[in-house]
Each structure stands twice: as structure tokens, then as C-alpha cells.
Protein backbone atom coordinates (compact mmCIF):
# COMPACT_ATOMS: atom_id res chain seq x y z
CA MET A 1 7.52 3.39 5.20
CA LYS A 2 6.72 2.15 1.74
CA ILE A 3 6.72 -1.01 -0.36
CA ILE A 4 7.78 -1.55 -3.97
CA MET A 5 7.16 -4.72 -5.97
CA TYR A 6 8.81 -5.07 -9.35
CA ILE A 7 9.50 -7.54 -12.16
CA SER A 8 12.59 -7.39 -14.38
CA ARG A 9 13.91 -9.47 -17.22
CA VAL A 10 17.21 -11.26 -16.71
CA ALA A 11 19.82 -9.80 -19.03
CA CYS A 12 22.38 -12.62 -18.77
CA ARG A 13 22.50 -15.34 -21.39
CA ARG A 14 24.56 -18.49 -21.66
CA ASN A 15 24.59 -20.66 -24.80
CA GLY A 16 21.48 -18.86 -26.07
CA ALA A 17 19.46 -19.50 -22.90
CA THR A 18 18.51 -16.83 -20.36
CA ILE A 19 19.62 -18.00 -16.94
CA PRO A 20 20.06 -16.14 -13.64
CA VAL A 21 23.83 -15.74 -13.88
CA GLY A 22 25.07 -13.97 -10.76
CA LEU A 23 21.93 -14.68 -8.72
CA SER A 24 24.01 -15.76 -5.74
CA ASP A 25 26.00 -12.54 -5.94
CA ILE A 26 22.82 -10.45 -6.24
CA TYR A 27 21.46 -12.18 -3.15
CA ARG A 28 24.68 -11.69 -1.17
CA VAL A 29 24.97 -7.98 -2.02
CA SER A 30 21.23 -7.39 -1.46
CA LEU A 31 21.41 -9.04 1.94
CA ALA A 32 24.28 -6.79 3.00
CA ASN A 33 22.75 -3.61 1.58
CA ASN A 34 19.32 -4.30 3.01
CA SER A 35 20.80 -4.93 6.44
CA ALA A 36 22.68 -1.63 6.31
CA ARG A 37 19.58 0.25 5.09
CA ASN A 38 17.06 -1.55 7.33
CA LEU A 39 15.18 -2.90 4.31
CA THR A 40 13.32 -6.21 4.10
CA GLY A 41 11.84 -8.19 1.23
CA ILE A 42 12.03 -11.18 -1.09
CA LEU A 43 13.45 -12.14 -4.47
CA THR A 44 12.44 -14.97 -6.78
CA TYR A 45 13.26 -16.13 -10.32
CA ARG A 46 11.19 -17.78 -13.02
CA ALA A 47 11.26 -18.06 -16.81
CA GLY A 48 13.98 -15.48 -17.36
CA HIS A 49 12.50 -12.92 -14.96
CA TYR A 50 13.04 -11.72 -11.41
CA LEU A 51 10.26 -10.64 -9.07
CA GLY A 52 11.36 -8.61 -6.08
CA VAL A 53 9.74 -6.86 -3.13
CA LEU A 54 11.40 -4.13 -1.07
CA GLU A 55 10.02 -2.43 2.04
CA GLY A 56 11.39 0.08 4.51
CA SER A 57 11.88 3.84 4.70
CA ALA A 58 10.72 5.62 1.55
CA ASP A 59 14.13 7.17 0.81
CA GLU A 60 16.03 3.90 1.16
CA VAL A 61 13.49 1.90 -0.85
CA ASP A 62 13.54 4.46 -3.67
CA LYS A 63 17.35 4.62 -3.65
CA THR A 64 17.66 0.82 -3.80
CA PHE A 65 15.07 0.55 -6.57
CA GLN A 66 17.00 3.09 -8.65
CA GLN A 67 20.13 0.98 -8.23
CA ILE A 68 18.21 -2.12 -9.36
CA GLY A 69 17.09 -0.27 -12.48
CA ALA A 70 20.68 0.74 -13.23
CA ASP A 71 22.04 -2.80 -12.75
CA VAL A 72 23.00 -4.27 -16.14
CA ARG A 73 21.79 -7.69 -14.99
CA ASN A 74 18.23 -6.34 -15.07
CA GLN A 75 16.27 -5.25 -18.13
CA ASN A 76 12.74 -3.90 -18.64
CA VAL A 77 12.19 -3.23 -14.95
CA VAL A 78 8.44 -2.84 -14.33
CA LYS A 79 7.04 -1.47 -11.07
CA LEU A 80 3.85 -3.23 -9.93
CA ILE A 81 3.30 -1.68 -6.50
CA ASP A 82 4.69 1.54 -5.04
CA THR A 83 2.75 2.71 -2.00
CA PRO A 84 3.06 3.70 1.68
CA ILE A 85 2.60 0.98 4.31
CA ALA A 86 2.06 1.12 8.05
CA ASN A 87 3.70 -2.24 8.84
CA ARG A 88 6.18 -4.53 7.10
CA PHE A 89 4.99 -7.69 5.37
CA PHE A 90 8.44 -9.34 5.67
CA PRO A 91 9.81 -8.04 8.99
CA ASP A 92 12.18 -10.99 9.55
CA TRP A 93 13.66 -11.26 6.05
CA ARG A 94 16.41 -8.88 5.00
CA MET A 95 16.29 -10.67 1.65
CA LYS A 96 14.66 -14.06 1.25
CA LEU A 97 14.99 -16.20 -1.86
CA SER A 98 11.50 -17.61 -2.30
CA GLU A 99 10.83 -20.41 -4.79
CA LYS A 100 7.04 -20.77 -4.60
CA LEU A 101 5.19 -17.57 -3.79
CA SER A 102 1.79 -19.24 -3.44
CA VAL A 103 2.92 -20.89 -0.18
CA ASN A 104 4.61 -17.76 1.14
CA SER A 105 1.96 -16.40 3.52
CA SER A 106 3.59 -12.96 3.69
CA PHE A 107 3.53 -12.59 -0.10
CA VAL A 108 -0.05 -13.87 -0.24
CA ASN A 109 -0.91 -11.13 2.25
CA VAL A 110 0.74 -8.52 0.04
CA MET A 111 -1.34 -9.65 -2.93
CA SER A 112 -4.56 -9.65 -0.91
CA LYS A 113 -3.94 -6.21 0.58
CA HIS A 114 -3.13 -4.69 -2.82
CA TYR A 115 -5.60 -6.58 -5.00
CA GLY A 116 -7.08 -3.30 -6.25
CA ARG A 117 -3.73 -2.14 -7.61
CA ILE A 118 -2.97 -5.54 -9.12
CA ASN A 119 -6.29 -5.66 -10.95
CA ALA A 120 -5.66 -2.17 -12.34
CA LEU A 121 -2.32 -3.13 -13.95
CA PRO A 122 -2.06 -3.37 -17.75
CA VAL A 123 -2.79 -6.82 -19.18
CA ASP A 124 0.80 -7.40 -20.31
CA VAL A 125 2.10 -6.65 -16.81
CA VAL A 126 -0.49 -8.94 -15.21
CA ASN A 127 0.62 -11.70 -17.59
CA LEU A 128 4.19 -11.27 -16.35
CA LEU A 129 2.99 -11.53 -12.78
CA LYS A 130 1.05 -14.70 -13.60
CA MET A 131 4.36 -16.44 -14.26
CA PHE A 132 5.01 -16.14 -10.53
CA TYR A 133 1.56 -16.16 -8.94
CA ASP A 134 -2.02 -17.12 -9.77
CA VAL A 135 -3.51 -13.64 -9.88
CA ASP A 136 -7.03 -15.03 -10.33
CA ALA A 137 -6.72 -16.78 -6.96
CA ILE A 138 -6.16 -13.58 -4.96
CA GLU A 139 -8.49 -13.58 -1.97
CA VAL A 140 -10.37 -10.30 -1.94
CA PRO A 141 -10.93 -9.23 1.67
CA ARG A 142 -14.52 -8.54 2.66
CA PRO A 143 -15.29 -4.90 3.46
CA ARG A 144 -15.32 -4.23 7.18
CA SER A 145 -18.30 -2.98 9.10
CA PHE A 146 -17.35 0.27 10.82
CA ASP A 147 -20.48 0.78 12.90
CA GLY A 148 -19.71 1.00 16.62
CA LYS A 149 -15.99 1.38 15.88
CA THR A 150 -13.31 4.00 16.32
CA ILE A 151 -11.10 4.74 13.34
CA SER A 152 -7.67 6.30 12.85
CA LEU A 153 -4.82 6.29 10.32
CA SER A 154 -1.28 5.08 10.99
CA THR A 155 0.16 7.48 8.42
CA TRP A 156 -0.85 9.69 5.50
CA PRO A 157 -2.05 7.91 2.34
CA ASP A 158 -0.57 8.26 -1.13
CA PHE A 159 -2.57 11.07 -2.75
CA SER A 160 -1.60 9.88 -6.20
CA VAL A 161 -4.00 7.03 -5.43
CA VAL A 162 -6.52 8.62 -3.04
CA GLU A 163 -8.47 11.56 -4.50
CA GLN A 164 -6.90 14.76 -3.20
CA THR A 165 -9.92 16.88 -2.26
CA PRO A 166 -10.07 19.35 0.66
CA ALA A 167 -12.52 17.04 2.47
CA ASN A 168 -10.26 13.98 2.08
CA ILE A 169 -7.15 15.90 3.16
CA GLU A 170 -8.96 17.26 6.23
CA LEU A 171 -10.25 13.79 7.14
CA CYS A 172 -6.75 12.31 6.86
CA ALA A 173 -5.32 15.06 9.06
CA LYS A 174 -7.98 14.31 11.68
CA LEU A 175 -7.52 10.52 11.61
CA VAL A 176 -3.72 10.69 11.67
CA SER A 177 -3.75 12.88 14.77
CA SER A 178 -6.16 10.79 16.87
CA GLN A 179 -8.89 8.14 16.85
CA HIS A 180 -12.48 9.16 16.17
CA SER A 181 -15.88 7.57 16.34
CA TYR A 182 -17.05 6.30 12.94
CA LYS A 183 -20.50 7.77 13.63
CA GLN A 184 -19.00 11.15 14.49
CA VAL A 185 -16.99 11.24 11.26
CA LEU A 186 -20.02 10.06 9.28
CA ASP A 187 -22.37 12.71 10.72
CA ILE A 188 -20.00 15.66 10.86
CA ASP A 189 -17.52 15.21 8.02
CA PHE A 190 -19.61 13.33 5.47
CA ALA A 191 -23.13 14.60 6.26
CA GLY A 192 -24.41 11.05 6.59
CA ASP A 193 -23.04 9.89 3.20
CA ARG A 194 -22.16 6.36 4.35
CA SER A 195 -21.24 4.97 0.92
CA ARG A 196 -18.71 7.74 0.20
CA LEU A 197 -17.06 7.45 3.62
CA ASN A 198 -16.96 3.65 3.50
CA ALA A 199 -15.40 3.67 0.03
CA LEU A 200 -12.61 5.92 1.31
CA LEU A 201 -12.05 3.86 4.46
CA ILE A 202 -11.88 0.66 2.39
CA GLU A 203 -9.14 2.29 0.29
CA PHE A 204 -7.20 3.10 3.47
CA ASP A 205 -7.79 -0.42 4.79
CA ALA A 206 -6.55 -2.00 1.56
CA GLU A 207 -3.29 -0.07 1.93
CA GLY A 208 -2.87 -1.23 5.54
CA LEU A 209 -3.19 2.32 6.91
CA LEU A 210 -6.52 2.09 8.74
CA ASN A 211 -6.78 1.22 12.43
CA VAL A 212 -10.20 0.01 13.55
CA ALA A 213 -11.16 -0.76 17.14
CA GLU A 214 -14.30 -1.40 19.14
CA GLN A 215 -15.75 1.73 20.69
CA HIS A 216 -16.39 1.21 24.38
CA ALA A 217 -18.38 3.37 26.73
CA THR A 218 -15.16 4.40 28.50
CA THR A 219 -13.41 5.44 25.27
CA VAL A 220 -12.59 9.15 25.42
CA LEU A 221 -12.94 10.73 22.00
CA PRO A 222 -12.70 14.33 20.74
CA VAL A 223 -16.21 15.81 20.96
CA LEU A 224 -17.37 19.09 19.44
CA GLU A 225 -20.08 21.23 21.04
CA THR A 226 -23.40 21.29 19.17
CA ALA A 227 -23.07 24.92 18.02
CA ALA A 228 -19.50 24.29 16.91
CA VAL A 229 -20.62 21.22 15.01
CA ARG A 230 -23.17 23.22 13.05
CA PHE A 231 -20.64 25.95 12.28
CA TYR A 232 -18.00 23.37 11.30
CA ALA A 233 -20.41 21.58 8.95
CA LYS A 234 -21.43 24.84 7.23
CA MET A 235 -17.80 25.90 6.76
CA LYS A 236 -16.95 22.50 5.30
CA GLN A 237 -19.84 22.74 2.84
CA PHE A 238 -18.68 26.23 1.84
CA ILE A 239 -15.10 25.04 1.25
CA VAL A 240 -16.12 21.96 -0.75
CA VAL A 241 -18.61 23.91 -2.92
CA GLY A 242 -16.03 26.61 -3.54
CA TYR A 243 -13.45 24.00 -4.51
CA ALA A 244 -15.91 22.36 -6.92
CA ASN A 245 -16.71 25.72 -8.57
CA GLU A 246 -13.03 26.31 -9.26
CA LEU A 247 -12.76 23.05 -11.24
């Protein structure tokens, strides 16, 4: 699944003023289309602009967003967020018209989860967003502590956002397939480099892809034999060094 958030300028004018002509029709058609495509999301209007959020299967979200861009009632469509998600933020809303986003807990959650992406947007785009939401009031989640935990990924991350190195790809493949002890991943895959591993896990967590659970004594986890661990670590170092030399 994926989520897209966008802002567009209303193209319709009446007596010199930009007003959301056809908003009711947009809502009606969106509700029907989203139901047929198993999409969910919200739509709101303010100061001559729409802000919309779509979530669902990647193909259907992309197809619907292309149709929005081709709709003559929208101009200057700007994409704010386009990223994979593990779970929907608006599971019960095929298309909800939301007047005040600051009191919409699901939207607030979207902003909190993707604060890194929002802060990285160009200033002019952030100013557009500020018409709808107080960006400065986004609650930045505290980094988790992963000690004594098991970790796994719900799905693969977006490698246009996460650095696509052999080590990161291999870690993702491991965490997507099964849960692993944080300590095991730290010692074997990252040679004790806690800050580098934590930075990557925080990226996954911010995208809603990371699953973290308490590690109990009865938890059965994949374990490598000591000799295999040493061999695995040396091979990983060889691959990473070779990759770096090619750059």
C-alpha cells in the first residue's frame, strides 16, 4: 500500500472569486471511485486550494492521482507525500470532507508520522500547507529504544528515500522475512554501530513500516552458529568495501 498527499489550486472562478465550484460532484464521484478501487482518504478546501489524501494499493493510488492531475478543476497540483505504508490512516473513510484538519486525529497522525518529509519540503510548498495545518505544531515522535526488542518490517521501504546500499537492502530482506533480535542485528549486521542502525530503524518507524515487540525468553528467533557468524560478518565487510570502492 501507499499514501499520497497533495495540494491543488481550484481552477473555477465565479464573478472574479475562486470558489470550489463542483465540490459536491467531486466528492460524489470520488466516493464512488474510491469504493470501487478500495481507496480511502480525505479532502478539504481552503483559500482557493484543495488538500487531499489518498491511500490504498500503489497502482490504484497512482492511477487516481493521475486522474486528479488531468482534471480541469485542479491546477498546479503539488505532491507533498508519496510513500509506502503498512496500515491505513483513514480505514473507515472512502472519502471524508474534513473542515478542520487540526482536530482530525487521523490527519494529525499522518503529519506526525511523516514530519521528516514535511520539513524537507520547499518553503513555498510548506506555506501552502500552512493554509490548512499549523506545520510548526507537528508533534515529533520520540525515538524508540530498541534494546531488548525484536524488530521486523511489514513491507519493503521506498529506496528513493532510504539509502540503497547492499547492507541496507540485505537488512530489509532479513526483516521483511521474519523478526530478529535487535542485539543480533546490531552485532552481526552493523558490527556494533548503534547510531547507524538506530538512524535507519527510526526512518522505517517514521514511515510506519517497523514492527517492534518485547523479546521474551520463549521467543524463537533465527540464530546463526558462531563460525557462520564470523564468516557472514567477513563476507558482509568484503561486499560493503567492494561496493564503496566502485563509487
